[in-house]
PDB file of N, CA and C in Angstrom:
ATOM      1  N   GLN A   1       0.831  -1.196   0.000  1.00  0.00           N
ATOM      2  CA  GLN A   1       0.000   0.000   0.000  1.00  0.00           C
ATOM      3  C   GLN A   1       0.867   1.248   0.000  1.00  0.00           C
ATOM      4  N   VAL A   2       0.389   2.254  -0.699  1.00  0.00           N
ATOM      5  CA  VAL A   2       1.051   3.555  -0.738  1.00  0.00           C
ATOM      6  C   VAL A   2       0.035   4.602  -0.318  1.00  0.00           C
ATOM      7  N   GLN A   3       0.433   5.467   0.585  1.00  0.00           N
ATOM      8  CA  GLN A   3      -0.427   6.561   1.006  1.00  0.00           C
ATOM      9  C   GLN A   3       0.138   7.864   0.431  1.00  0.00           C
ATOM     10  N   LEU A   4      -0.771   8.704  -0.048  1.00  0.00           N
ATOM     11  CA  LEU A   4      -0.385   9.961  -0.669  1.00  0.00           C
ATOM     12  C   LEU A   4      -1.138  11.109  -0.011  1.00  0.00           C
ATOM     13  N   VAL A   5      -0.421  12.164   0.316  1.00  0.00           N
ATOM     14  CA  VAL A   5      -1.043  13.329   0.936  1.00  0.00           C
ATOM     15  C   VAL A   5      -0.593  14.574   0.179  1.00  0.00           C
ATOM     16  N   GLU A   6      -1.563  15.268  -0.417  1.00  0.00           N
ATOM     17  CA  GLU A   6      -1.258  16.506  -1.137  1.00  0.00           C
ATOM     18  C   GLU A   6      -1.368  17.711  -0.212  1.00  0.00           C
ATOM     19  N   SER A   7      -0.650  18.742  -0.547  1.00  0.00           N
ATOM     20  CA  SER A   7      -0.743  20.011   0.169  1.00  0.00           C
ATOM     21  C   SER A   7      -0.301  21.129  -0.761  1.00  0.00           C
ATOM     22  N   GLY A   8      -0.552  22.356  -0.336  1.00  0.00           N
ATOM     23  CA  GLY A   8      -0.065  23.506  -1.088  1.00  0.00           C
ATOM     24  C   GLY A   8      -1.109  24.237  -1.903  1.00  0.00           C
ATOM     25  N   GLY A   9      -2.325  23.722  -1.938  1.00  0.00           N
ATOM     26  CA  GLY A   9      -3.365  24.408  -2.689  1.00  0.00           C
ATOM     27  C   GLY A   9      -3.791  25.683  -1.983  1.00  0.00           C
ATOM     28  N   GLY A  10      -4.609  26.464  -2.660  1.00  0.00           N
ATOM     29  CA  GLY A  10      -5.103  27.700  -2.068  1.00  0.00           C
ATOM     30  C   GLY A  10      -5.710  28.612  -3.094  1.00  0.00           C
ATOM     31  N   LEU A  11      -5.912  29.847  -2.691  1.00  0.00           N
ATOM     32  CA  LEU A  11      -6.491  30.878  -3.557  1.00  0.00           C
ATOM     33  C   LEU A  11      -5.372  31.804  -4.023  1.00  0.00           C
ATOM     34  N   VAL A  12      -5.323  32.035  -5.318  1.00  0.00           N
ATOM     35  CA  VAL A  12      -4.287  32.894  -5.883  1.00  0.00           C
ATOM     36  C   VAL A  12      -4.896  33.704  -7.026  1.00  0.00           C
ATOM     37  N   GLN A  13      -4.365  34.875  -7.253  1.00  0.00           N
ATOM     38  CA  GLN A  13      -4.835  35.694  -8.361  1.00  0.00           C
ATOM     39  C   GLN A  13      -4.241  35.203  -9.675  1.00  0.00           C
ATOM     40  N   ALA A  14      -4.929  35.494 -10.745  1.00  0.00           N
ATOM     41  CA  ALA A  14      -4.431  35.143 -12.076  1.00  0.00           C
ATOM     42  C   ALA A  14      -3.029  35.719 -12.278  1.00  0.00           C
ATOM     43  N   GLY A  15      -2.165  34.907 -12.849  1.00  0.00           N
ATOM     44  CA  GLY A  15      -0.779  35.292 -13.040  1.00  0.00           C
ATOM     45  C   GLY A  15       0.130  34.880 -11.901  1.00  0.00           C
ATOM     46  N   GLY A  16      -0.446  34.447 -10.806  1.00  0.00           N
ATOM     47  CA  GLY A  16       0.328  34.040  -9.643  1.00  0.00           C
ATOM     48  C   GLY A  16       0.853  32.621  -9.746  1.00  0.00           C
ATOM     49  N   SER A  17       1.466  32.173  -8.650  1.00  0.00           N
ATOM     50  CA  SER A  17       2.096  30.868  -8.612  1.00  0.00           C
ATOM     51  C   SER A  17       1.701  30.115  -7.346  1.00  0.00           C
ATOM     52  N   LEU A  18       1.748  28.811  -7.457  1.00  0.00           N
ATOM     53  CA  LEU A  18       1.575  27.916  -6.315  1.00  0.00           C
ATOM     54  C   LEU A  18       2.483  26.714  -6.517  1.00  0.00           C
ATOM     55  N   ARG A  19       2.899  26.117  -5.423  1.00  0.00           N
ATOM     56  CA  ARG A  19       3.635  24.860  -5.499  1.00  0.00           C
ATOM     57  C   ARG A  19       2.891  23.811  -4.688  1.00  0.00           C
ATOM     58  N   LEU A  20       2.473  22.778  -5.371  1.00  0.00           N
ATOM     59  CA  LEU A  20       1.803  21.670  -4.720  1.00  0.00           C
ATOM     60  C   LEU A  20       2.832  20.610  -4.341  1.00  0.00           C
ATOM     61  N   SER A  21       2.557  19.941  -3.233  1.00  0.00           N
ATOM     62  CA  SER A  21       3.416  18.845  -2.788  1.00  0.00           C
ATOM     63  C   SER A  21       2.574  17.591  -2.618  1.00  0.00           C
ATOM     64  N   CYS A  22       3.196  16.458  -2.851  1.00  0.00           N
ATOM     65  CA  CYS A  22       2.537  15.172  -2.645  1.00  0.00           C
ATOM     66  C   CYS A  22       3.535  14.275  -1.923  1.00  0.00           C
ATOM     67  N   ALA A  23       3.260  13.987  -0.675  1.00  0.00           N
ATOM     68  CA  ALA A  23       4.138  13.156   0.135  1.00  0.00           C
ATOM     69  C   ALA A  23       3.650  11.714   0.100  1.00  0.00           C
ATOM     70  N   ALA A  24       4.552  10.824  -0.248  1.00  0.00           N
ATOM     71  CA  ALA A  24       4.225   9.405  -0.328  1.00  0.00           C
ATOM     72  C   ALA A  24       4.791   8.669   0.878  1.00  0.00           C
ATOM     73  N   SER A  25       4.053   7.678   1.334  1.00  0.00           N
ATOM     74  CA  SER A  25       4.521   6.826   2.426  1.00  0.00           C
ATOM     75  C   SER A  25       4.036   5.405   2.176  1.00  0.00           C
ATOM     76  N   GLY A  26       4.554   4.487   2.955  1.00  0.00           N
ATOM     77  CA  GLY A  26       4.203   3.087   2.762  1.00  0.00           C
ATOM     78  C   GLY A  26       5.199   2.411   1.836  1.00  0.00           C
ATOM     79  N   ARG A  27       4.708   1.604   0.913  1.00  0.00           N
ATOM     80  CA  ARG A  27       5.564   0.845   0.003  1.00  0.00           C
ATOM     81  C   ARG A  27       6.033   1.710  -1.166  1.00  0.00           C
ATOM     82  N   THR A  28       6.803   2.725  -0.860  1.00  0.00           N
ATOM     83  CA  THR A  28       7.267   3.635  -1.912  1.00  0.00           C
ATOM     84  C   THR A  28       8.213   2.945  -2.886  1.00  0.00           C
ATOM     85  N   SER A  29       8.802   1.837  -2.469  1.00  0.00           N
ATOM     86  CA  SER A  29       9.687   1.102  -3.379  1.00  0.00           C
ATOM     87  C   SER A  29       8.926   0.536  -4.566  1.00  0.00           C
ATOM     88  N   SER A  30       7.616   0.431  -4.449  1.00  0.00           N
ATOM     89  CA  SER A  30       6.811  -0.123  -5.536  1.00  0.00           C
ATOM     90  C   SER A  30       6.388   0.936  -6.554  1.00  0.00           C
ATOM     91  N   ILE A  31       6.707   2.200  -6.292  1.00  0.00           N
ATOM     92  CA  ILE A  31       6.271   3.282  -7.170  1.00  0.00           C
ATOM     93  C   ILE A  31       7.149   3.337  -8.420  1.00  0.00           C
ATOM     94  N   ASN A  32       6.512   3.410  -9.582  1.00  0.00           N
ATOM     95  CA  ASN A  32       7.232   3.595 -10.838  1.00  0.00           C
ATOM     96  C   ASN A  32       7.072   5.006 -11.398  1.00  0.00           C
ATOM     97  N   VAL A  33       5.886   5.544 -11.259  1.00  0.00           N
ATOM     98  CA  VAL A  33       5.618   6.867 -11.798  1.00  0.00           C
ATOM     99  C   VAL A  33       4.645   7.591 -10.881  1.00  0.00           C
ATOM    100  N   MET A  34       4.854   8.868 -10.749  1.00  0.00           N
ATOM    101  CA  MET A  34       3.936   9.708  -9.989  1.00  0.00           C
ATOM    102  C   MET A  34       3.307  10.719 -10.946  1.00  0.00           C
ATOM    103  N   ASN A  35       2.025  10.947 -10.753  1.00  0.00           N
ATOM    104  CA  ASN A  35       1.297  11.842 -11.645  1.00  0.00           C
ATOM    105  C   ASN A  35       0.526  12.903 -10.865  1.00  0.00           C
ATOM    106  N   TRP A  36       0.246  13.981 -11.542  1.00  0.00           N
ATOM    107  CA  TRP A  36      -0.716  14.978 -11.073  1.00  0.00           C
ATOM    108  C   TRP A  36      -1.880  14.996 -12.058  1.00  0.00           C
ATOM    109  N   PHE A  37      -3.083  14.950 -11.515  1.00  0.00           N
ATOM    110  CA  PHE A  37      -4.316  15.104 -12.272  1.00  0.00           C
ATOM    111  C   PHE A  37      -5.084  16.280 -11.665  1.00  0.00           C
ATOM    112  N   ARG A  38      -6.085  16.721 -12.375  1.00  0.00           N
ATOM    113  CA  ARG A  38      -6.970  17.737 -11.808  1.00  0.00           C
ATOM    114  C   ARG A  38      -8.394  17.507 -12.280  1.00  0.00           C
ATOM    115  N   GLN A  39      -9.310  17.997 -11.480  1.00  0.00           N
ATOM    116  CA  GLN A  39     -10.727  17.879 -11.837  1.00  0.00           C
ATOM    117  C   GLN A  39     -11.433  19.172 -11.476  1.00  0.00           C
ATOM    118  N   ALA A  40     -11.930  19.834 -12.501  1.00  0.00           N
ATOM    119  CA  ALA A  40     -12.699  21.060 -12.312  1.00  0.00           C
ATOM    120  C   ALA A  40     -14.170  20.704 -12.138  1.00  0.00           C
ATOM    121  N   PRO A  41     -14.957  21.583 -11.529  1.00  0.00           N
ATOM    122  CA  PRO A  41     -16.381  21.301 -11.327  1.00  0.00           C
ATOM    123  C   PRO A  41     -17.077  20.993 -12.639  1.00  0.00           C
ATOM    124  N   GLY A  42     -17.799  19.892 -12.652  1.00  0.00           N
ATOM    125  CA  GLY A  42     -18.551  19.524 -13.837  1.00  0.00           C
ATOM    126  C   GLY A  42     -17.741  18.936 -14.965  1.00  0.00           C
ATOM    127  N   LYS A  43     -16.452  18.725 -14.728  1.00  0.00           N
ATOM    128  CA  LYS A  43     -15.587  18.176 -15.774  1.00  0.00           C
ATOM    129  C   LYS A  43     -14.953  16.871 -15.315  1.00  0.00           C
ATOM    130  N   GLU A  44     -14.455  16.117 -16.286  1.00  0.00           N
ATOM    131  CA  GLU A  44     -13.773  14.883 -15.961  1.00  0.00           C
ATOM    132  C   GLU A  44     -12.357  15.161 -15.448  1.00  0.00           C
ATOM    133  N   ARG A  45     -11.855  14.225 -14.695  1.00  0.00           N
ATOM    134  CA  ARG A  45     -10.485  14.334 -14.215  1.00  0.00           C
ATOM    135  C   ARG A  45      -9.535  14.259 -15.416  1.00  0.00           C
ATOM    136  N   GLU A  46      -8.523  15.127 -15.438  1.00  0.00           N
ATOM    137  CA  GLU A  46      -7.600  15.141 -16.560  1.00  0.00           C
ATOM    138  C   GLU A  46      -6.156  15.096 -16.083  1.00  0.00           C
ATOM    139  N   PHE A  47      -5.329  14.495 -16.904  1.00  0.00           N
ATOM    140  CA  PHE A  47      -3.899  14.392 -16.617  1.00  0.00           C
ATOM    141  C   PHE A  47      -3.241  15.758 -16.745  1.00  0.00           C
ATOM    142  N   VAL A  48      -2.337  16.039 -15.809  1.00  0.00           N
ATOM    143  CA  VAL A  48      -1.596  17.296 -15.843  1.00  0.00           C
ATOM    144  C   VAL A  48      -0.111  17.047 -16.127  1.00  0.00           C
ATOM    145  N   ALA A  49       0.509  16.204 -15.311  1.00  0.00           N
ATOM    146  CA  ALA A  49       1.944  15.951 -15.463  1.00  0.00           C
ATOM    147  C   ALA A  49       2.300  14.645 -14.771  1.00  0.00           C
ATOM    148  N   GLY A  50       3.400  14.038 -15.202  1.00  0.00           N
ATOM    149  CA  GLY A  50       3.877  12.812 -14.588  1.00  0.00           C
ATOM    150  C   GLY A  50       5.386  12.777 -14.571  1.00  0.00           C
ATOM    151  N   ILE A  51       5.945  12.003 -13.665  1.00  0.00           N
ATOM    152  CA  ILE A  51       7.396  11.895 -13.567  1.00  0.00           C
ATOM    153  C   ILE A  51       7.760  10.497 -13.105  1.00  0.00           C
ATOM    154  N   ARG A  52       8.804   9.960 -13.686  1.00  0.00           N
ATOM    155  CA  ARG A  52       9.306   8.668 -13.260  1.00  0.00           C
ATOM    156  C   ARG A  52       9.880   8.783 -11.863  1.00  0.00           C
ATOM    157  N   TRP A  53       9.647   7.765 -11.048  1.00  0.00           N
ATOM    158  CA  TRP A  53      10.166   7.795  -9.681  1.00  0.00           C
ATOM    159  C   TRP A  53      11.691   7.662  -9.688  1.00  0.00           C
ATOM    160  N   ARG A  54      12.196   6.998 -10.717  1.00  0.00           N
ATOM    161  CA  ARG A  54      13.647   6.890 -10.893  1.00  0.00           C
ATOM    162  C   ARG A  54      13.956   7.322 -12.305  1.00  0.00           C
ATOM    163  N   GLY A  55      14.963   8.112 -12.483  1.00  0.00           N
ATOM    164  CA  GLY A  55      15.268   8.645 -13.807  1.00  0.00           C
ATOM    165  C   GLY A  55      14.738  10.052 -13.947  1.00  0.00           C
ATOM    166  N   ASP A  56      14.887  10.605 -15.126  1.00  0.00           N
ATOM    167  CA  ASP A  56      14.597  12.016 -15.348  1.00  0.00           C
ATOM    168  C   ASP A  56      13.394  12.276 -16.246  1.00  0.00           C
ATOM    169  N   SER A  57      12.697  11.236 -16.636  1.00  0.00           N
ATOM    170  CA  SER A  57      11.601  11.447 -17.580  1.00  0.00           C
ATOM    171  C   SER A  57      10.419  12.136 -16.921  1.00  0.00           C
ATOM    172  N   ALA A  58       9.924  13.155 -17.580  1.00  0.00           N
ATOM    173  CA  ALA A  58       8.736  13.873 -17.121  1.00  0.00           C
ATOM    174  C   ALA A  58       7.800  14.069 -18.306  1.00  0.00           C
ATOM    175  N   TYR A  59       6.527  14.172 -18.020  1.00  0.00           N
ATOM    176  CA  TYR A  59       5.511  14.248 -19.065  1.00  0.00           C
ATOM    177  C   TYR A  59       4.494  15.325 -18.673  1.00  0.00           C
ATOM    178  N   TYR A  60       3.994  16.026 -19.680  1.00  0.00           N
ATOM    179  CA  TYR A  60       3.065  17.108 -19.430  1.00  0.00           C
ATOM    180  C   TYR A  60       1.902  17.063 -20.402  1.00  0.00           C
ATOM    181  N   ALA A  61       0.758  17.511 -19.928  1.00  0.00           N
ATOM    182  CA  ALA A  61      -0.371  17.720 -20.830  1.00  0.00           C
ATOM    183  C   ALA A  61      -0.085  18.912 -21.724  1.00  0.00           C
ATOM    184  N   ASP A  62      -0.630  18.891 -22.898  1.00  0.00           N
ATOM    185  CA  ASP A  62      -0.367  19.970 -23.860  1.00  0.00           C
ATOM    186  C   ASP A  62      -0.792  21.330 -23.340  1.00  0.00           C
ATOM    187  N   PHE A  63      -1.857  21.377 -22.565  1.00  0.00           N
ATOM    188  CA  PHE A  63      -2.369  22.683 -22.137  1.00  0.00           C
ATOM    189  C   PHE A  63      -1.455  23.369 -21.136  1.00  0.00           C
ATOM    190  N   ILE A  64      -0.467  22.637 -20.599  1.00  0.00           N
ATOM    191  CA  ILE A  64       0.447  23.239 -19.634  1.00  0.00           C
ATOM    192  C   ILE A  64       1.317  24.287 -20.308  1.00  0.00           C
ATOM    193  N   LYS A  65       1.804  23.984 -21.481  1.00  0.00           N
ATOM    194  CA  LYS A  65       2.550  24.947 -22.290  1.00  0.00           C
ATOM    195  C   LYS A  65       3.667  25.641 -21.517  1.00  0.00           C
ATOM    196  N   GLY A  66       4.420  24.865 -20.752  1.00  0.00           N
ATOM    197  CA  GLY A  66       5.582  25.391 -20.056  1.00  0.00           C
ATOM    198  C   GLY A  66       5.285  26.132 -18.769  1.00  0.00           C
ATOM    199  N   ARG A  67       4.043  26.204 -18.349  1.00  0.00           N
ATOM    200  CA  ARG A  67       3.717  26.954 -17.139  1.00  0.00           C
ATOM    201  C   ARG A  67       3.953  26.163 -15.865  1.00  0.00           C
ATOM    202  N   PHE A  68       3.842  24.839 -15.940  1.00  0.00           N
ATOM    203  CA  PHE A  68       3.975  23.983 -14.771  1.00  0.00           C
ATOM    204  C   PHE A  68       5.239  23.136 -14.890  1.00  0.00           C
ATOM    205  N   THR A  69       5.822  22.812 -13.752  1.00  0.00           N
ATOM    206  CA  THR A  69       6.989  21.934 -13.716  1.00  0.00           C
ATOM    207  C   THR A  69       6.801  20.897 -12.620  1.00  0.00           C
ATOM    208  N   ILE A  70       6.965  19.641 -12.985  1.00  0.00           N
ATOM    209  CA  ILE A  70       6.894  18.561 -12.010  1.00  0.00           C
ATOM    210  C   ILE A  70       8.313  18.178 -11.616  1.00  0.00           C
ATOM    211  N   SER A  71       8.504  17.882 -10.351  1.00  0.00           N
ATOM    212  CA  SER A  71       9.815  17.466  -9.864  1.00  0.00           C
ATOM    213  C   SER A  71       9.613  16.526  -8.676  1.00  0.00           C
ATOM    214  N   ARG A  72      10.684  15.933  -8.237  1.00  0.00           N
ATOM    215  CA  ARG A  72      10.558  15.018  -7.099  1.00  0.00           C
ATOM    216  C   ARG A  72      11.798  15.110  -6.235  1.00  0.00           C
ATOM    217  N   ASP A  73      11.625  14.702  -4.992  1.00  0.00           N
ATOM    218  CA  ASP A  73      12.726  14.576  -4.046  1.00  0.00           C
ATOM    219  C   ASP A  73      12.599  13.184  -3.449  1.00  0.00           C
ATOM    220  N   ASN A  74      13.383  12.254  -3.976  1.00  0.00           N
ATOM    221  CA  ASN A  74      13.254  10.869  -3.525  1.00  0.00           C
ATOM    222  C   ASN A  74      13.614  10.709  -2.060  1.00  0.00           C
ATOM    223  N   ALA A  75      14.531  11.532  -1.574  1.00  0.00           N
ATOM    224  CA  ALA A  75      14.912  11.433  -0.160  1.00  0.00           C
ATOM    225  C   ALA A  75      13.734  11.757   0.746  1.00  0.00           C
ATOM    226  N   LYS A  76      12.851  12.613   0.268  1.00  0.00           N
ATOM    227  CA  LYS A  76      11.674  13.000   1.042  1.00  0.00           C
ATOM    228  C   LYS A  76      10.412  12.276   0.575  1.00  0.00           C
ATOM    229  N   ASN A  77      10.559  11.415  -0.431  1.00  0.00           N
ATOM    230  CA  ASN A  77       9.399  10.711  -1.007  1.00  0.00           C
ATOM    231  C   ASN A  77       8.293  11.695  -1.379  1.00  0.00           C
ATOM    232  N   THR A  78       8.683  12.774  -1.998  1.00  0.00           N
ATOM    233  CA  THR A  78       7.744  13.851  -2.297  1.00  0.00           C
ATOM    234  C   THR A  78       7.867  14.279  -3.758  1.00  0.00           C
ATOM    235  N   VAL A  79       6.722  14.509  -4.356  1.00  0.00           N
ATOM    236  CA  VAL A  79       6.642  15.041  -5.712  1.00  0.00           C
ATOM    237  C   VAL A  79       6.018  16.423  -5.640  1.00  0.00           C
ATOM    238  N   TYR A  80       6.515  17.309  -6.467  1.00  0.00           N
ATOM    239  CA  TYR A  80       6.051  18.696  -6.461  1.00  0.00           C
ATOM    240  C   TYR A  80       5.461  19.067  -7.815  1.00  0.00           C
ATOM    241  N   LEU A  81       4.570  20.021  -7.794  1.00  0.00           N
ATOM    242  CA  LEU A  81       4.078  20.621  -9.034  1.00  0.00           C
ATOM    243  C   LEU A  81       4.158  22.131  -8.861  1.00  0.00           C
ATOM    244  N   GLN A  82       5.142  22.722  -9.511  1.00  0.00           N
ATOM    245  CA  GLN A  82       5.275  24.173  -9.493  1.00  0.00           C
ATOM    246  C   GLN A  82       4.404  24.742 -10.597  1.00  0.00           C
ATOM    247  N   MET A  83       3.475  25.582 -10.224  1.00  0.00           N
ATOM    248  CA  MET A  83       2.527  26.137 -11.177  1.00  0.00           C
ATOM    249  C   MET A  83       2.715  27.648 -11.251  1.00  0.00           C
ATOM    250  N   ASN A  84       3.073  28.125 -12.416  1.00  0.00           N
ATOM    251  CA  ASN A  84       3.282  29.554 -12.645  1.00  0.00           C
ATOM    252  C   ASN A  84       2.270  30.074 -13.662  1.00  0.00           C
ATOM    253  N   SER A  85       2.145  31.371 -13.722  1.00  0.00           N
ATOM    254  CA  SER A  85       1.237  32.019 -14.691  1.00  0.00           C
ATOM    255  C   SER A  85      -0.148  31.382 -14.638  1.00  0.00           C
ATOM    256  N   LEU A  86      -0.658  31.232 -13.445  1.00  0.00           N
ATOM    257  CA  LEU A  86      -1.935  30.560 -13.278  1.00  0.00           C
ATOM    258  C   LEU A  86      -3.077  31.350 -13.903  1.00  0.00           C
ATOM    259  N   LYS A  87      -4.036  30.605 -14.411  1.00  0.00           N
ATOM    260  CA  LYS A  87      -5.207  31.182 -15.062  1.00  0.00           C
ATOM    261  C   LYS A  87      -6.467  30.729 -14.334  1.00  0.00           C
ATOM    262  N   PRO A  88      -7.548  31.478 -14.461  1.00  0.00           N
ATOM    263  CA  PRO A  88      -8.801  31.032 -13.818  1.00  0.00           C
ATOM    264  C   PRO A  88      -9.218  29.627 -14.242  1.00  0.00           C
ATOM    265  N   GLU A  89      -8.904  29.258 -15.471  1.00  0.00           N
ATOM    266  CA  GLU A  89      -9.284  27.914 -15.930  1.00  0.00           C
ATOM    267  C   GLU A  89      -8.431  26.811 -15.309  1.00  0.00           C
ATOM    268  N   ASP A  90      -7.409  27.167 -14.550  1.00  0.00           N
ATOM    269  CA  ASP A  90      -6.639  26.174 -13.805  1.00  0.00           C
ATOM    270  C   ASP A  90      -7.318  25.810 -12.484  1.00  0.00           C
ATOM    271  N   THR A  91      -8.404  26.488 -12.160  1.00  0.00           N
ATOM    272  CA  THR A  91      -9.133  26.189 -10.936  1.00  0.00           C
ATOM    273  C   THR A  91      -9.657  24.765 -10.968  1.00  0.00           C
ATOM    274  N   ALA A  92      -9.310  23.992  -9.947  1.00  0.00           N
ATOM    275  CA  ALA A  92      -9.677  22.579  -9.900  1.00  0.00           C
ATOM    276  C   ALA A  92      -9.184  21.988  -8.589  1.00  0.00           C
ATOM    277  N   VAL A  93      -9.622  20.776  -8.319  1.00  0.00           N
ATOM    278  CA  VAL A  93      -9.000  19.970  -7.273  1.00  0.00           C
ATOM    279  C   VAL A  93      -7.868  19.187  -7.936  1.00  0.00           C
ATOM    280  N   TYR A  94      -6.690  19.298  -7.365  1.00  0.00           N
ATOM    281  CA  TYR A  94      -5.511  18.637  -7.918  1.00  0.00           C
ATOM    282  C   TYR A  94      -5.206  17.398  -7.082  1.00  0.00           C
ATOM    283  N   TYR A  95      -5.027  16.291  -7.793  1.00  0.00           N
ATOM    284  CA  TYR A  95      -4.767  15.017  -7.156  1.00  0.00           C
ATOM    285  C   TYR A  95      -3.413  14.484  -7.608  1.00  0.00           C
ATOM    286  N   CYS A  96      -2.701  13.839  -6.711  1.00  0.00           N
ATOM    287  CA  CYS A  96      -1.536  13.092  -7.152  1.00  0.00           C
ATOM    288  C   CYS A  96      -1.867  11.605  -7.103  1.00  0.00           C
ATOM    289  N   SER A  97      -1.174  10.869  -7.939  1.00  0.00           N
ATOM    290  CA  SER A  97      -1.368   9.427  -7.969  1.00  0.00           C
ATOM    291  C   SER A  97      -0.022   8.736  -8.108  1.00  0.00           C
ATOM    292  N   ALA A  98       0.045   7.537  -7.566  1.00  0.00           N
ATOM    293  CA  ALA A  98       1.192   6.658  -7.775  1.00  0.00           C
ATOM    294  C   ALA A  98       0.730   5.594  -8.755  1.00  0.00           C
ATOM    295  N   GLY A  99       1.147   5.723  -9.999  1.00  0.00           N
ATOM    296  CA  GLY A  99       0.601   4.871 -11.041  1.00  0.00           C
ATOM    297  C   GLY A  99      -0.894   5.095 -11.147  1.00  0.00           C
ATOM    298  N   ALA A 100      -1.619   4.006 -11.352  1.00  0.00           N
ATOM    299  CA  ALA A 100      -3.079   4.115 -11.438  1.00  0.00           C
ATOM    300  C   ALA A 100      -3.757   3.555 -10.199  1.00  0.00           C
ATOM    301  N   ASP A 101      -2.953   3.130  -9.232  1.00  0.00           N
ATOM    302  CA  ASP A 101      -3.523   2.379  -8.109  1.00  0.00           C
ATOM    303  C   ASP A 101      -3.766   3.195  -6.855  1.00  0.00           C
ATOM    304  N   TYR A 102      -2.993   4.214  -6.645  1.00  0.00           N
ATOM    305  CA  TYR A 102      -3.067   4.962  -5.389  1.00  0.00           C
ATOM    306  C   TYR A 102      -3.280   6.449  -5.672  1.00  0.00           C
ATOM    307  N   TRP A 103      -4.181   7.036  -4.882  1.00  0.00           N
ATOM    308  CA  TRP A 103      -4.551   8.435  -5.080  1.00  0.00           C
ATOM    309  C   TRP A 103      -4.569   9.159  -3.749  1.00  0.00           C
ATOM    310  N   GLY A 104      -4.225  10.439  -3.809  1.00  0.00           N
ATOM    311  CA  GLY A 104      -4.384  11.270  -2.642  1.00  0.00           C
ATOM    312  C   GLY A 104      -5.795  11.808  -2.548  1.00  0.00           C
ATOM    313  N   GLN A 105      -6.029  12.615  -1.516  1.00  0.00           N
ATOM    314  CA  GLN A 105      -7.376  13.130  -1.273  1.00  0.00           C
ATOM    315  C   GLN A 105      -7.654  14.391  -2.080  1.00  0.00           C
ATOM    316  N   GLY A 106      -6.611  14.980  -2.649  1.00  0.00           N
ATOM    317  CA  GLY A 106      -6.777  16.171  -3.460  1.00  0.00           C
ATOM    318  C   GLY A 106      -6.560  17.454  -2.675  1.00  0.00           C
ATOM    319  N   THR A 107      -6.168  18.490  -3.397  1.00  0.00           N
ATOM    320  CA  THR A 107      -6.007  19.813  -2.808  1.00  0.00           C
ATOM    321  C   THR A 107      -6.612  20.839  -3.751  1.00  0.00           C
ATOM    322  N   GLN A 108      -7.382  21.755  -3.198  1.00  0.00           N
ATOM    323  CA  GLN A 108      -8.122  22.721  -4.023  1.00  0.00           C
ATOM    324  C   GLN A 108      -7.210  23.862  -4.448  1.00  0.00           C
ATOM    325  N   VAL A 109      -7.244  24.174  -5.727  1.00  0.00           N
ATOM    326  CA  VAL A 109      -6.569  25.343  -6.283  1.00  0.00           C
ATOM    327  C   VAL A 109      -7.632  26.234  -6.895  1.00  0.00           C
ATOM    328  N   THR A 110      -7.690  27.464  -6.451  1.00  0.00           N
ATOM    329  CA  THR A 110      -8.645  28.428  -6.983  1.00  0.00           C
ATOM    330  C   THR A 110      -7.882  29.649  -7.487  1.00  0.00           C
ATOM    331  N   VAL A 111      -8.099  29.988  -8.742  1.00  0.00           N
ATOM    332  CA  VAL A 111      -7.432  31.132  -9.363  1.00  0.00           C
ATOM    333  C   VAL A 111      -8.487  32.173  -9.682  1.00  0.00           C
ATOM    334  N   SER A 112      -8.349  33.322  -9.077  1.00  0.00           N
ATOM    335  CA  SER A 112      -9.322  34.400  -9.290  1.00  0.00           C
ATOM    336  C   SER A 112      -8.862  35.304 -10.429  1.00  0.00           C
ATOM    337  N   SER A 113      -9.827  35.858 -11.128  1.00  0.00           N
ATOM    338  CA  SER A 113      -9.504  36.732 -12.274  1.00  0.00           C
ATOM    339  C   SER A 113      -9.336  38.177 -11.840  1.00  0.00           C
TER     340      SER A 113
END
């Protein structure tokens, strides 16, 4: 089992920045990839970014367009999502996942115009 806890969400004005964190615990040795997803009200959950737990490969959704950066600190078992140039349409609950099997509870990001 892997437990995931997100933090760092909040209210920010358009153009601002936030850094989300996802702390993993439990069987972290079983993790291959960590992802960030988001779900806006009335919309389906969508992929935002992913990163290999070992190695340097990172993946982004097209709509990110260089605004977000995913990173990890294996010593802390933590994955980060640095979000810059935030837009109102980035408002959503952001979830991290370890592969497709484990999910955090989500953290709310609200971007005001």
